[in-house]
Amino acid sequence: MPEQPAITSSELGVLWLTYQEKTMILRILEYFIEKADDKQAKKIMTNLHAEIDVYVGKITEIFKSEGAAIPIGFTAEDVNKEVPKLYDNGFDIMFVRLLKEISMGLHTLNINMAYREDIVMLFKELTAITQAYYNACTQYLIETGLLARSPYVSMPRSAEFVKEKDYLSGMNPLTKLGKKRTLNAVEVAYVYHAIEGNVTGLQMITGFGQCAHNSDVKKFFAKGAELSKSVVKEMGETFLEDGIQVPATSGGNATRSTVAPFSDKLMMYCTSMFCSFSMGGNALGTAFSLRNDLAAKMSVFNKDTFEYAHEGAKLMIKNGWMEEPPQMEERKKLMEG
């Protein structure tokens, strides 16, 4: 059996990112577990915490065996479990569900950048865990009536092919005369996904804005709330133009508490991760939406989200909250001595 090779730069990078994400999720879960008033929700989160903690340990051991510095990530200093509830009415599981949705995408990307078998298996196992808990959260929310489903549609009676180029239209003058075609089921899926994600994101960032310590961070979260509102509003209007009702949930709202359960650093990192997730979803929506007005709207949302995320990155750097990923060697400096 040949000696196990050292980890590559890409493996180091994705393990580092996973450590950041998982330690953040552990801190969030610790607060929500402490405040949970529903036994089933508490069990889901407690079991998930136990499973994630094991893999944080596995990543730590890989770093140690490779002689790599252990990242700081997020620690007990980033959570205060003793403060009042910041969210109510099922938001904990709604939030965890969205975190698991993000994790599924990240693990799929990460496994494609891993080569060593133990690291490939680590991401394979994390993917299975993430999918299981995403489903557990989804079923819990459906059973409790806290998760709205996307719109229903009449089932197609035959397979059809597109016959006219107007199928792609949506931004020409004829649209004002009622020539814009109705949304297809694929487009509805991506539009609704954008609405659903931004509704939860809006609830999250509203709570963050209420309790952030730094005044610039509070302003940043207020700006993010307006950005989420604009996406929900415009995508909702797209549905209503076609006579499609926008499903809504009564679940998950911020309380009146202004006491922070999380550090500004953690809340900023979490918001940054949600921005990345949103940009990825919008990019897919743009790619699979054949009506050009939808593609244009999602491109604008991506531009606005990117600019917002960039503003957040500068704010994190200013306050010393952005942990630096492992760097490649500075060859020019080494050669210059």
C-alpha atoms as a PDB file:
ATOM      1  CA  MET A   1       0.000   0.000   0.000  1.00  0.00           C
ATOM      2  CA  PRO A   2       1.596   3.332  -1.056  1.00  0.00           C
ATOM      3  CA  GLU A   3       1.984   6.062   1.542  1.00  0.00           C
ATOM      4  CA  GLN A   4      -0.998   8.418   1.688  1.00  0.00           C
ATOM      5  CA  PRO A   5      -0.228  11.548  -0.328  1.00  0.00           C
ATOM      6  CA  ALA A   6      -0.214  15.008   1.219  1.00  0.00           C
ATOM      7  CA  ILE A   7      -3.375  17.026   0.697  1.00  0.00           C
ATOM      8  CA  THR A   8      -3.447  19.349  -2.305  1.00  0.00           C
ATOM      9  CA  SER A   9      -4.069  23.107  -2.285  1.00  0.00           C
ATOM     10  CA  SER A  10      -7.680  22.606  -3.392  1.00  0.00           C
ATOM     11  CA  GLU A  11      -8.275  20.014  -0.656  1.00  0.00           C
ATOM     12  CA  LEU A  12      -6.779  22.370   1.923  1.00  0.00           C
ATOM     13  CA  GLY A  13      -9.017  25.150   0.629  1.00  0.00           C
ATOM     14  CA  VAL A  14     -12.303  23.226   0.722  1.00  0.00           C
ATOM     15  CA  LEU A  15     -11.536  21.705   4.124  1.00  0.00           C
ATOM     16  CA  TRP A  16     -10.773  25.194   5.453  1.00  0.00           C
ATOM     17  CA  LEU A  17     -14.068  26.538   4.088  1.00  0.00           C
ATOM     18  CA  THR A  18     -15.967  23.562   5.508  1.00  0.00           C
ATOM     19  CA  TYR A  19     -14.412  24.149   8.935  1.00  0.00           C
ATOM     20  CA  GLN A  20     -15.595  27.766   8.843  1.00  0.00           C
ATOM     21  CA  GLU A  21     -19.124  26.790   7.798  1.00  0.00           C
ATOM     22  CA  LYS A  22     -19.517  23.909  10.240  1.00  0.00           C
ATOM     23  CA  THR A  23     -18.206  25.767  13.284  1.00  0.00           C
ATOM     24  CA  MET A  24     -20.622  28.606  12.466  1.00  0.00           C
ATOM     25  CA  ILE A  25     -23.542  26.165  12.197  1.00  0.00           C
ATOM     26  CA  LEU A  26     -22.573  24.545  15.514  1.00  0.00           C
ATOM     27  CA  ARG A  27     -22.762  27.912  17.289  1.00  0.00           C
ATOM     28  CA  ILE A  28     -26.136  28.718  15.697  1.00  0.00           C
ATOM     29  CA  LEU A  29     -27.505  25.304  16.665  1.00  0.00           C
ATOM     30  CA  GLU A  30     -26.306  25.687  20.255  1.00  0.00           C
ATOM     31  CA  TYR A  31     -28.392  28.839  20.649  1.00  0.00           C
ATOM     32  CA  PHE A  32     -31.477  27.425  18.936  1.00  0.00           C
ATOM     33  CA  ILE A  33     -31.291  24.174  20.936  1.00  0.00           C
ATOM     34  CA  GLU A  34     -31.156  26.187  24.170  1.00  0.00           C
ATOM     35  CA  LYS A  35     -34.239  28.210  23.150  1.00  0.00           C
ATOM     36  CA  ALA A  36     -36.267  25.433  21.489  1.00  0.00           C
ATOM     37  CA  ASP A  37     -39.763  24.961  22.906  1.00  0.00           C
ATOM     38  CA  ASP A  38     -40.745  22.112  20.568  1.00  0.00           C
ATOM     39  CA  LYS A  39     -39.420  18.629  21.394  1.00  0.00           C
ATOM     40  CA  GLN A  40     -39.257  17.416  17.792  1.00  0.00           C
ATOM     41  CA  ALA A  41     -37.433  20.535  16.607  1.00  0.00           C
ATOM     42  CA  LYS A  42     -34.999  20.270  19.515  1.00  0.00           C
ATOM     43  CA  LYS A  43     -34.293  16.609  18.715  1.00  0.00           C
ATOM     44  CA  ILE A  44     -33.568  17.383  15.045  1.00  0.00           C
ATOM     45  CA  MET A  45     -31.141  20.147  15.983  1.00  0.00           C
ATOM     46  CA  THR A  46     -29.476  18.224  18.825  1.00  0.00           C
ATOM     47  CA  ASN A  47     -28.827  15.194  16.602  1.00  0.00           C
ATOM     48  CA  LEU A  48     -27.529  17.408  13.794  1.00  0.00           C
ATOM     49  CA  HIS A  49     -25.165  19.185  16.200  1.00  0.00           C
ATOM     50  CA  ALA A  50     -23.735  15.861  17.360  1.00  0.00           C
ATOM     51  CA  GLU A  51     -23.115  14.680  13.789  1.00  0.00           C
ATOM     52  CA  ILE A  52     -21.528  17.931  12.601  1.00  0.00           C
ATOM     53  CA  ASP A  53     -19.266  18.065  15.674  1.00  0.00           C
ATOM     54  CA  VAL A  54     -17.757  14.694  14.694  1.00  0.00           C
ATOM     55  CA  TYR A  55     -16.754  16.037  11.271  1.00  0.00           C
ATOM     56  CA  VAL A  56     -15.260  19.220  12.687  1.00  0.00           C
ATOM     57  CA  GLY A  57     -13.080  16.848  14.707  1.00  0.00           C
ATOM     58  CA  LYS A  58     -12.156  14.841  11.593  1.00  0.00           C
ATOM     59  CA  ILE A  59     -11.140  17.978   9.701  1.00  0.00           C
ATOM     60  CA  THR A  60      -9.099  19.113  12.710  1.00  0.00           C
ATOM     61  CA  GLU A  61      -7.242  15.779  12.721  1.00  0.00           C
ATOM     62  CA  ILE A  62      -6.443  16.074   9.000  1.00  0.00           C
ATOM     63  CA  PHE A  63      -5.014  19.560   9.564  1.00  0.00           C
ATOM     64  CA  LYS A  64      -2.931  18.287  12.488  1.00  0.00           C
ATOM     65  CA  SER A  65      -1.588  15.307  10.527  1.00  0.00           C
ATOM     66  CA  GLU A  66      -0.567  17.618   7.679  1.00  0.00           C
ATOM     67  CA  GLY A  67       1.115  20.110  10.000  1.00  0.00           C
ATOM     68  CA  ALA A  68      -1.403  22.820   9.050  1.00  0.00           C
ATOM     69  CA  ALA A  69      -2.589  25.492  11.449  1.00  0.00           C
ATOM     70  CA  ILE A  70      -6.090  24.895  12.812  1.00  0.00           C
ATOM     71  CA  PRO A  71      -8.441  27.684  11.667  1.00  0.00           C
ATOM     72  CA  ILE A  72     -10.130  29.846  14.293  1.00  0.00           C
ATOM     73  CA  GLY A  73     -13.584  29.545  12.742  1.00  0.00           C
ATOM     74  CA  PHE A  74     -16.340  30.255  15.271  1.00  0.00           C
ATOM     75  CA  THR A  75     -16.016  29.469  18.959  1.00  0.00           C
ATOM     76  CA  ALA A  76     -17.965  29.772  22.207  1.00  0.00           C
ATOM     77  CA  GLU A  77     -17.117  33.485  22.147  1.00  0.00           C
ATOM     78  CA  ASP A  78     -19.396  33.913  19.128  1.00  0.00           C
ATOM     79  CA  VAL A  79     -22.592  32.738  20.815  1.00  0.00           C
ATOM     80  CA  ASN A  80     -24.517  33.756  23.930  1.00  0.00           C
ATOM     81  CA  LYS A  81     -27.157  31.156  24.783  1.00  0.00           C
ATOM     82  CA  GLU A  82     -28.473  33.079  27.789  1.00  0.00           C
ATOM     83  CA  VAL A  83     -30.112  35.965  25.902  1.00  0.00           C
ATOM     84  CA  PRO A  84     -33.852  36.122  25.087  1.00  0.00           C
ATOM     85  CA  LYS A  85     -35.276  34.481  21.970  1.00  0.00           C
ATOM     86  CA  LEU A  86     -34.485  36.501  18.850  1.00  0.00           C
ATOM     87  CA  TYR A  87     -36.792  34.441  16.623  1.00  0.00           C
ATOM     88  CA  ASP A  88     -40.089  32.666  17.138  1.00  0.00           C
ATOM     89  CA  ASN A  89     -42.724  30.525  15.434  1.00  0.00           C
ATOM     90  CA  GLY A  90     -40.579  27.809  13.865  1.00  0.00           C
ATOM     91  CA  PHE A  91     -37.828  30.026  12.525  1.00  0.00           C
ATOM     92  CA  ASP A  92     -35.139  27.769  14.009  1.00  0.00           C
ATOM     93  CA  ILE A  93     -35.988  24.848  11.699  1.00  0.00           C
ATOM     94  CA  MET A  94     -36.683  27.176   8.757  1.00  0.00           C
ATOM     95  CA  PHE A  95     -33.198  28.613   9.217  1.00  0.00           C
ATOM     96  CA  VAL A  96     -31.546  25.210   9.669  1.00  0.00           C
ATOM     97  CA  ARG A  97     -33.311  23.965   6.521  1.00  0.00           C
ATOM     98  CA  LEU A  98     -31.831  26.828   4.501  1.00  0.00           C
ATOM     99  CA  LEU A  99     -28.392  26.218   6.008  1.00  0.00           C
ATOM    100  CA  LYS A 100     -28.650  22.564   4.957  1.00  0.00           C
ATOM    101  CA  GLU A 101     -29.688  23.623   1.461  1.00  0.00           C
ATOM    102  CA  ILE A 102     -26.543  25.736   1.232  1.00  0.00           C
ATOM    103  CA  SER A 103     -24.451  22.876   2.634  1.00  0.00           C
ATOM    104  CA  MET A 104     -25.739  20.463  -0.035  1.00  0.00           C
ATOM    105  CA  GLY A 105     -24.491  22.774  -2.755  1.00  0.00           C
ATOM    106  CA  LEU A 106     -21.141  23.330  -1.047  1.00  0.00           C
ATOM    107  CA  HIS A 107     -20.488  19.626  -0.485  1.00  0.00           C
ATOM    108  CA  THR A 108     -21.233  18.872  -4.143  1.00  0.00           C
ATOM    109  CA  LEU A 109     -18.695  21.494  -5.246  1.00  0.00           C
ATOM    110  CA  ASN A 110     -16.143  20.421  -2.636  1.00  0.00           C
ATOM    111  CA  ILE A 111     -16.186  16.730  -3.506  1.00  0.00           C
ATOM    112  CA  ASN A 112     -15.302  17.713  -7.086  1.00  0.00           C
ATOM    113  CA  MET A 113     -12.117  19.358  -5.792  1.00  0.00           C
ATOM    114  CA  ALA A 114     -10.984  16.446  -3.619  1.00  0.00           C
ATOM    115  CA  TYR A 115      -8.701  13.625  -4.742  1.00  0.00           C
ATOM    116  CA  ARG A 116      -7.558  11.747  -1.645  1.00  0.00           C
ATOM    117  CA  GLU A 117      -9.987   8.974  -0.815  1.00  0.00           C
ATOM    118  CA  ASP A 118     -10.462   9.853   2.865  1.00  0.00           C
ATOM    119  CA  ILE A 119     -11.381  13.445   1.947  1.00  0.00           C
ATOM    120  CA  VAL A 120     -13.718  12.330  -0.851  1.00  0.00           C
ATOM    121  CA  MET A 121     -15.418  10.010   1.657  1.00  0.00           C
ATOM    122  CA  LEU A 122     -15.656  12.831   4.214  1.00  0.00           C
ATOM    123  CA  PHE A 123     -17.635  14.995   1.781  1.00  0.00           C
ATOM    124  CA  LYS A 124     -19.687  12.012   0.626  1.00  0.00           C
ATOM    125  CA  GLU A 125     -20.703  11.297   4.228  1.00  0.00           C
ATOM    126  CA  LEU A 126     -21.403  14.979   4.915  1.00  0.00           C
ATOM    127  CA  THR A 127     -23.622  15.075   1.822  1.00  0.00           C
ATOM    128  CA  ALA A 128     -25.679  12.122   3.082  1.00  0.00           C
ATOM    129  CA  ILE A 129     -26.060  13.710   6.536  1.00  0.00           C
ATOM    130  CA  THR A 130     -27.034  17.060   5.020  1.00  0.00           C
ATOM    131  CA  GLN A 131     -29.655  15.530   2.730  1.00  0.00           C
ATOM    132  CA  ALA A 132     -31.167  13.560   5.608  1.00  0.00           C
ATOM    133  CA  TYR A 133     -31.514  16.629   7.841  1.00  0.00           C
ATOM    134  CA  TYR A 134     -32.742  18.830   5.009  1.00  0.00           C
ATOM    135  CA  ASN A 135     -35.558  16.329   4.502  1.00  0.00           C
ATOM    136  CA  ALA A 136     -36.217  16.088   8.252  1.00  0.00           C
ATOM    137  CA  CYS A 137     -36.549  19.886   8.444  1.00  0.00           C
ATOM    138  CA  THR A 138     -38.775  20.004   5.351  1.00  0.00           C
ATOM    139  CA  GLN A 139     -41.149  17.334   6.640  1.00  0.00           C
ATOM    140  CA  TYR A 140     -41.297  18.949  10.091  1.00  0.00           C
ATOM    141  CA  LEU A 141     -42.224  22.318   8.573  1.00  0.00           C
ATOM    142  CA  ILE A 142     -44.871  20.758   6.311  1.00  0.00           C
ATOM    143  CA  GLU A 143     -46.397  18.809   9.214  1.00  0.00           C
ATOM    144  CA  THR A 144     -46.557  21.926  11.371  1.00  0.00           C
ATOM    145  CA  GLY A 145     -47.984  24.052   8.553  1.00  0.00           C
ATOM    146  CA  LEU A 146     -44.998  26.408   8.541  1.00  0.00           C
ATOM    147  CA  LEU A 147     -43.739  25.689   5.014  1.00  0.00           C
ATOM    148  CA  ALA A 148     -45.646  26.879   1.970  1.00  0.00           C
ATOM    149  CA  ARG A 149     -45.328  24.763  -1.158  1.00  0.00           C
ATOM    150  CA  SER A 150     -44.630  26.207  -4.587  1.00  0.00           C
ATOM    151  CA  PRO A 151     -47.693  26.798  -6.846  1.00  0.00           C
ATOM    152  CA  TYR A 152     -49.540  23.812  -8.290  1.00  0.00           C
ATOM    153  CA  VAL A 153     -50.120  23.437 -12.037  1.00  0.00           C
ATOM    154  CA  SER A 154     -52.359  21.325 -14.279  1.00  0.00           C
ATOM    155  CA  MET A 155     -50.515  18.235 -15.479  1.00  0.00           C
ATOM    156  CA  PRO A 156     -49.469  18.248 -19.181  1.00  0.00           C
ATOM    157  CA  ARG A 157     -51.522  15.921 -21.411  1.00  0.00           C
ATOM    158  CA  SER A 158     -48.874  15.655 -24.151  1.00  0.00           C
ATOM    159  CA  ALA A 159     -45.240  16.463 -24.901  1.00  0.00           C
ATOM    160  CA  GLU A 160     -44.769  19.655 -26.905  1.00  0.00           C
ATOM    161  CA  PHE A 161     -41.946  21.428 -28.763  1.00  0.00           C
ATOM    162  CA  VAL A 162     -41.400  25.188 -28.957  1.00  0.00           C
ATOM    163  CA  LYS A 163     -42.648  26.443 -32.338  1.00  0.00           C
ATOM    164  CA  GLU A 164     -42.046  30.203 -32.254  1.00  0.00           C
ATOM    165  CA  LYS A 165     -39.122  32.453 -31.378  1.00  0.00           C
ATOM    166  CA  ASP A 166     -41.555  34.577 -29.349  1.00  0.00           C
ATOM    167  CA  TYR A 167     -41.266  31.877 -26.699  1.00  0.00           C
ATOM    168  CA  LEU A 168     -38.053  33.609 -25.606  1.00  0.00           C
ATOM    169  CA  SER A 169     -39.555  37.099 -25.532  1.00  0.00           C
ATOM    170  CA  GLY A 170     -40.514  39.138 -22.550  1.00  0.00           C
ATOM    171  CA  MET A 171     -38.796  42.449 -23.097  1.00  0.00           C
ATOM    172  CA  ASN A 172     -40.047  43.559 -26.503  1.00  0.00           C
ATOM    173  CA  PRO A 173     -42.820  46.135 -27.109  1.00  0.00           C
ATOM    174  CA  LEU A 174     -45.342  43.379 -27.854  1.00  0.00           C
ATOM    175  CA  THR A 175     -45.298  42.338 -24.214  1.00  0.00           C
ATOM    176  CA  LYS A 176     -47.348  45.432 -23.425  1.00  0.00           C
ATOM    177  CA  LEU A 177     -50.049  44.116 -25.741  1.00  0.00           C
ATOM    178  CA  GLY A 178     -50.377  40.890 -23.817  1.00  0.00           C
ATOM    179  CA  LYS A 179     -48.002  38.822 -25.991  1.00  0.00           C
ATOM    180  CA  LYS A 180     -45.665  37.812 -23.178  1.00  0.00           C
ATOM    181  CA  ARG A 181     -46.134  34.069 -22.645  1.00  0.00           C
ATOM    182  CA  THR A 182     -46.954  32.648 -19.239  1.00  0.00           C
ATOM    183  CA  LEU A 183     -44.206  31.140 -17.122  1.00  0.00           C
ATOM    184  CA  ASN A 184     -43.324  27.494 -17.629  1.00  0.00           C
ATOM    185  CA  ALA A 185     -42.944  25.097 -14.693  1.00  0.00           C
ATOM    186  CA  VAL A 186     -39.124  25.273 -14.703  1.00  0.00           C
ATOM    187  CA  GLU A 187     -39.219  29.076 -14.489  1.00  0.00           C
ATOM    188  CA  VAL A 188     -41.824  28.943 -11.723  1.00  0.00           C
ATOM    189  CA  ALA A 189     -39.505  26.631  -9.773  1.00  0.00           C
ATOM    190  CA  TYR A 190     -36.591  29.091  -9.881  1.00  0.00           C
ATOM    191  CA  VAL A 191     -38.742  32.168  -9.259  1.00  0.00           C
ATOM    192  CA  TYR A 192     -40.349  30.523  -6.240  1.00  0.00           C
ATOM    193  CA  HIS A 193     -36.977  29.333  -4.962  1.00  0.00           C
ATOM    194  CA  ALA A 194     -35.754  32.948  -5.061  1.00  0.00           C
ATOM    195  CA  ILE A 195     -38.853  34.095  -3.151  1.00  0.00           C
ATOM    196  CA  GLU A 196     -38.616  31.337  -0.540  1.00  0.00           C
ATOM    197  CA  GLY A 197     -34.908  31.888   0.119  1.00  0.00           C
ATOM    198  CA  ASN A 198     -35.271  35.650   0.381  1.00  0.00           C
ATOM    199  CA  VAL A 199     -38.243  35.419   2.749  1.00  0.00           C
ATOM    200  CA  THR A 200     -36.176  33.380   5.212  1.00  0.00           C
ATOM    201  CA  GLY A 201     -33.154  35.601   4.553  1.00  0.00           C
ATOM    202  CA  LEU A 202     -35.249  38.693   5.269  1.00  0.00           C
ATOM    203  CA  GLN A 203     -36.413  37.267   8.595  1.00  0.00           C
ATOM    204  CA  MET A 204     -32.834  36.319   9.488  1.00  0.00           C
ATOM    205  CA  ILE A 205     -31.313  39.693   8.628  1.00  0.00           C
ATOM    206  CA  THR A 206     -34.122  41.603  10.351  1.00  0.00           C
ATOM    207  CA  GLY A 207     -33.216  39.870  13.614  1.00  0.00           C
ATOM    208  CA  PHE A 208     -29.508  40.451  12.996  1.00  0.00           C
ATOM    209  CA  GLY A 209     -30.162  44.148  12.392  1.00  0.00           C
ATOM    210  CA  GLN A 210     -32.083  44.476  15.669  1.00  0.00           C
ATOM    211  CA  CYS A 211     -29.254  43.140  17.810  1.00  0.00           C
ATOM    212  CA  ALA A 212     -25.966  43.976  16.045  1.00  0.00           C
ATOM    213  CA  HIS A 213     -23.511  45.961  18.192  1.00  0.00           C
ATOM    214  CA  ASN A 214     -21.611  47.866  15.504  1.00  0.00           C
ATOM    215  CA  SER A 215     -23.543  50.799  14.001  1.00  0.00           C
ATOM    216  CA  ASP A 216     -22.101  50.202  10.506  1.00  0.00           C
ATOM    217  CA  VAL A 217     -23.126  46.557  10.733  1.00  0.00           C
ATOM    218  CA  LYS A 218     -26.672  47.574  11.710  1.00  0.00           C
ATOM    219  CA  LYS A 219     -26.843  49.812   8.612  1.00  0.00           C
ATOM    220  CA  PHE A 220     -25.464  46.979   6.487  1.00  0.00           C
ATOM    221  CA  PHE A 221     -28.178  44.592   7.688  1.00  0.00           C
ATOM    222  CA  ALA A 222     -30.875  47.232   7.096  1.00  0.00           C
ATOM    223  CA  LYS A 223     -29.646  47.562   3.518  1.00  0.00           C
ATOM    224  CA  GLY A 224     -29.723  43.774   3.119  1.00  0.00           C
ATOM    225  CA  ALA A 225     -33.316  43.667   4.351  1.00  0.00           C
ATOM    226  CA  GLU A 226     -34.319  46.159   1.638  1.00  0.00           C
ATOM    227  CA  LEU A 227     -32.506  44.082  -0.983  1.00  0.00           C
ATOM    228  CA  SER A 228     -34.399  40.939   0.073  1.00  0.00           C
ATOM    229  CA  LYS A 229     -37.692  42.841   0.041  1.00  0.00           C
ATOM    230  CA  SER A 230     -37.055  44.013  -3.527  1.00  0.00           C
ATOM    231  CA  VAL A 231     -36.419  40.444  -4.719  1.00  0.00           C
ATOM    232  CA  VAL A 232     -39.573  39.130  -3.016  1.00  0.00           C
ATOM    233  CA  LYS A 233     -41.620  42.041  -4.401  1.00  0.00           C
ATOM    234  CA  GLU A 234     -40.421  41.795  -8.013  1.00  0.00           C
ATOM    235  CA  MET A 235     -40.551  38.004  -8.168  1.00  0.00           C
ATOM    236  CA  GLY A 236     -43.988  38.052  -6.530  1.00  0.00           C
ATOM    237  CA  GLU A 237     -45.220  40.531  -9.131  1.00  0.00           C
ATOM    238  CA  THR A 238     -43.909  38.221 -11.862  1.00  0.00           C
ATOM    239  CA  PHE A 239     -46.188  35.511 -10.484  1.00  0.00           C
ATOM    240  CA  LEU A 240     -49.182  37.820 -10.131  1.00  0.00           C
ATOM    241  CA  GLU A 241     -48.839  39.027 -13.733  1.00  0.00           C
ATOM    242  CA  ASP A 242     -49.623  35.441 -14.768  1.00  0.00           C
ATOM    243  CA  GLY A 243     -52.403  35.034 -12.211  1.00  0.00           C
ATOM    244  CA  ILE A 244     -50.231  32.794 -10.057  1.00  0.00           C
ATOM    245  CA  GLN A 245     -50.821  33.177  -6.336  1.00  0.00           C
ATOM    246  CA  VAL A 246     -47.657  33.689  -4.283  1.00  0.00           C
ATOM    247  CA  PRO A 247     -47.664  31.090  -1.482  1.00  0.00           C
ATOM    248  CA  ALA A 248     -46.948  32.545   1.957  1.00  0.00           C
ATOM    249  CA  THR A 249     -46.051  31.187   5.368  1.00  0.00           C
ATOM    250  CA  SER A 250     -47.010  32.508   8.776  1.00  0.00           C
ATOM    251  CA  GLY A 251     -43.896  30.963  10.290  1.00  0.00           C
ATOM    252  CA  GLY A 252     -40.598  32.410  11.383  1.00  0.00           C
ATOM    253  CA  ASN A 253     -40.522  35.939  12.655  1.00  0.00           C
ATOM    254  CA  ALA A 254     -38.123  38.085  14.660  1.00  0.00           C
ATOM    255  CA  THR A 255     -39.192  38.933  18.196  1.00  0.00           C
ATOM    256  CA  ARG A 256     -38.742  42.378  19.804  1.00  0.00           C
ATOM    257  CA  SER A 257     -35.444  41.354  21.402  1.00  0.00           C
ATOM    258  CA  THR A 258     -32.445  43.604  20.763  1.00  0.00           C
ATOM    259  CA  VAL A 259     -29.925  41.457  22.645  1.00  0.00           C
ATOM    260  CA  ALA A 260     -27.493  39.621  20.370  1.00  0.00           C
ATOM    261  CA  PRO A 261     -27.198  35.820  20.624  1.00  0.00           C
ATOM    262  CA  PHE A 262     -24.341  35.880  18.091  1.00  0.00           C
ATOM    263  CA  SER A 263     -21.254  38.001  17.542  1.00  0.00           C
ATOM    264  CA  ASP A 264     -21.281  40.595  14.771  1.00  0.00           C
ATOM    265  CA  LYS A 265     -18.506  38.531  13.176  1.00  0.00           C
ATOM    266  CA  LEU A 266     -20.712  35.418  12.992  1.00  0.00           C
ATOM    267  CA  MET A 267     -23.745  37.312  11.709  1.00  0.00           C
ATOM    268  CA  MET A 268     -21.669  39.000   9.006  1.00  0.00           C
ATOM    269  CA  TYR A 269     -20.155  35.685   7.900  1.00  0.00           C
ATOM    270  CA  CYS A 270     -23.575  34.042   7.812  1.00  0.00           C
ATOM    271  CA  THR A 271     -24.951  36.887   5.674  1.00  0.00           C
ATOM    272  CA  SER A 272     -21.967  36.587   3.332  1.00  0.00           C
ATOM    273  CA  MET A 273     -22.668  32.874   2.903  1.00  0.00           C
ATOM    274  CA  PHE A 274     -26.334  33.575   2.154  1.00  0.00           C
ATOM    275  CA  CYS A 275     -25.265  36.115  -0.502  1.00  0.00           C
ATOM    276  CA  SER A 276     -23.082  33.496  -2.194  1.00  0.00           C
ATOM    277  CA  PHE A 277     -25.970  31.020  -2.109  1.00  0.00           C
ATOM    278  CA  SER A 278     -28.332  33.616  -3.569  1.00  0.00           C
ATOM    279  CA  MET A 279     -25.944  34.434  -6.421  1.00  0.00           C
ATOM    280  CA  GLY A 280     -25.589  30.747  -7.255  1.00  0.00           C
ATOM    281  CA  GLY A 281     -29.360  30.262  -7.301  1.00  0.00           C
ATOM    282  CA  ASN A 282     -29.880  33.338  -9.465  1.00  0.00           C
ATOM    283  CA  ALA A 283     -27.192  32.168 -11.885  1.00  0.00           C
ATOM    284  CA  LEU A 284     -28.999  28.847 -12.343  1.00  0.00           C
ATOM    285  CA  GLY A 285     -32.314  30.661 -12.678  1.00  0.00           C
ATOM    286  CA  THR A 286     -30.821  32.855 -15.401  1.00  0.00           C
ATOM    287  CA  ALA A 287     -29.452  29.817 -17.232  1.00  0.00           C
ATOM    288  CA  PHE A 288     -32.718  27.869 -17.189  1.00  0.00           C
ATOM    289  CA  SER A 289     -35.194  30.710 -17.713  1.00  0.00           C
ATOM    290  CA  LEU A 290     -36.057  31.012 -21.411  1.00  0.00           C
ATOM    291  CA  ARG A 291     -38.105  34.183 -21.076  1.00  0.00           C
ATOM    292  CA  ASN A 292     -35.553  36.958 -21.462  1.00  0.00           C
ATOM    293  CA  ASP A 293     -37.172  39.369 -18.990  1.00  0.00           C
ATOM    294  CA  LEU A 294     -36.663  36.811 -16.204  1.00  0.00           C
ATOM    295  CA  ALA A 295     -33.009  36.322 -17.125  1.00  0.00           C
ATOM    296  CA  ALA A 296     -32.546  40.107 -17.082  1.00  0.00           C
ATOM    297  CA  LYS A 297     -34.179  40.469 -13.654  1.00  0.00           C
ATOM    298  CA  MET A 298     -32.071  37.706 -12.129  1.00  0.00           C
ATOM    299  CA  SER A 299     -28.897  39.210 -13.636  1.00  0.00           C
ATOM    300  CA  VAL A 300     -29.725  42.530 -11.947  1.00  0.00           C
ATOM    301  CA  PHE A 301     -30.359  40.754  -8.643  1.00  0.00           C
ATOM    302  CA  ASN A 302     -26.978  39.031  -8.969  1.00  0.00           C
ATOM    303  CA  LYS A 303     -25.229  42.353  -9.613  1.00  0.00           C
ATOM    304  CA  ASP A 304     -26.935  43.964  -6.597  1.00  0.00           C
ATOM    305  CA  THR A 305     -26.164  40.957  -4.377  1.00  0.00           C
ATOM    306  CA  PHE A 306     -22.518  40.904  -5.471  1.00  0.00           C
ATOM    307  CA  GLU A 307     -22.104  44.594  -4.674  1.00  0.00           C
ATOM    308  CA  TYR A 308     -23.786  44.078  -1.299  1.00  0.00           C
ATOM    309  CA  ALA A 309     -21.542  41.092  -0.492  1.00  0.00           C
ATOM    310  CA  HIS A 310     -18.460  43.101  -1.506  1.00  0.00           C
ATOM    311  CA  GLU A 311     -19.518  45.890   0.849  1.00  0.00           C
ATOM    312  CA  GLY A 312     -19.877  43.298   3.619  1.00  0.00           C
ATOM    313  CA  ALA A 313     -16.409  41.891   2.921  1.00  0.00           C
ATOM    314  CA  LYS A 314     -14.857  45.351   3.285  1.00  0.00           C
ATOM    315  CA  LEU A 315     -16.729  45.829   6.566  1.00  0.00           C
ATOM    316  CA  MET A 316     -15.463  42.488   7.883  1.00  0.00           C
ATOM    317  CA  ILE A 317     -11.876  43.332   6.944  1.00  0.00           C
ATOM    318  CA  LYS A 318     -12.180  46.763   8.586  1.00  0.00           C
ATOM    319  CA  ASN A 319     -13.243  45.156  11.870  1.00  0.00           C
ATOM    320  CA  GLY A 320     -10.764  42.263  11.762  1.00  0.00           C
ATOM    321  CA  TRP A 321     -13.462  39.603  11.353  1.00  0.00           C
ATOM    322  CA  MET A 322     -12.371  38.020   8.064  1.00  0.00           C
ATOM    323  CA  GLU A 323     -10.120  35.042   8.680  1.00  0.00           C
ATOM    324  CA  GLU A 324      -7.621  34.677   5.861  1.00  0.00           C
ATOM    325  CA  PRO A 325      -7.649  31.398   3.902  1.00  0.00           C
ATOM    326  CA  PRO A 326      -4.342  29.514   3.520  1.00  0.00           C
ATOM    327  CA  GLN A 327      -2.120  31.290   0.995  1.00  0.00           C
ATOM    328  CA  MET A 328       0.020  29.949  -1.819  1.00  0.00           C
ATOM    329  CA  GLU A 329       3.762  30.647  -1.572  1.00  0.00           C
ATOM    330  CA  GLU A 330       4.903  34.188  -2.400  1.00  0.00           C
ATOM    331  CA  ARG A 331       7.375  33.023  -5.060  1.00  0.00           C
ATOM    332  CA  LYS A 332       8.538  36.491  -6.099  1.00  0.00           C
ATOM    333  CA  LYS A 333       9.332  37.491  -2.515  1.00  0.00           C
ATOM    334  CA  LEU A 334      11.119  34.191  -1.871  1.00  0.00           C
ATOM    335  CA  MET A 335      13.266  34.637  -4.970  1.00  0.00           C
ATOM    336  CA  GLU A 336      14.084  38.224  -4.017  1.00  0.00           C
ATOM    337  CA  GLY A 337      15.264  36.990  -0.618  1.00  0.00           C
END
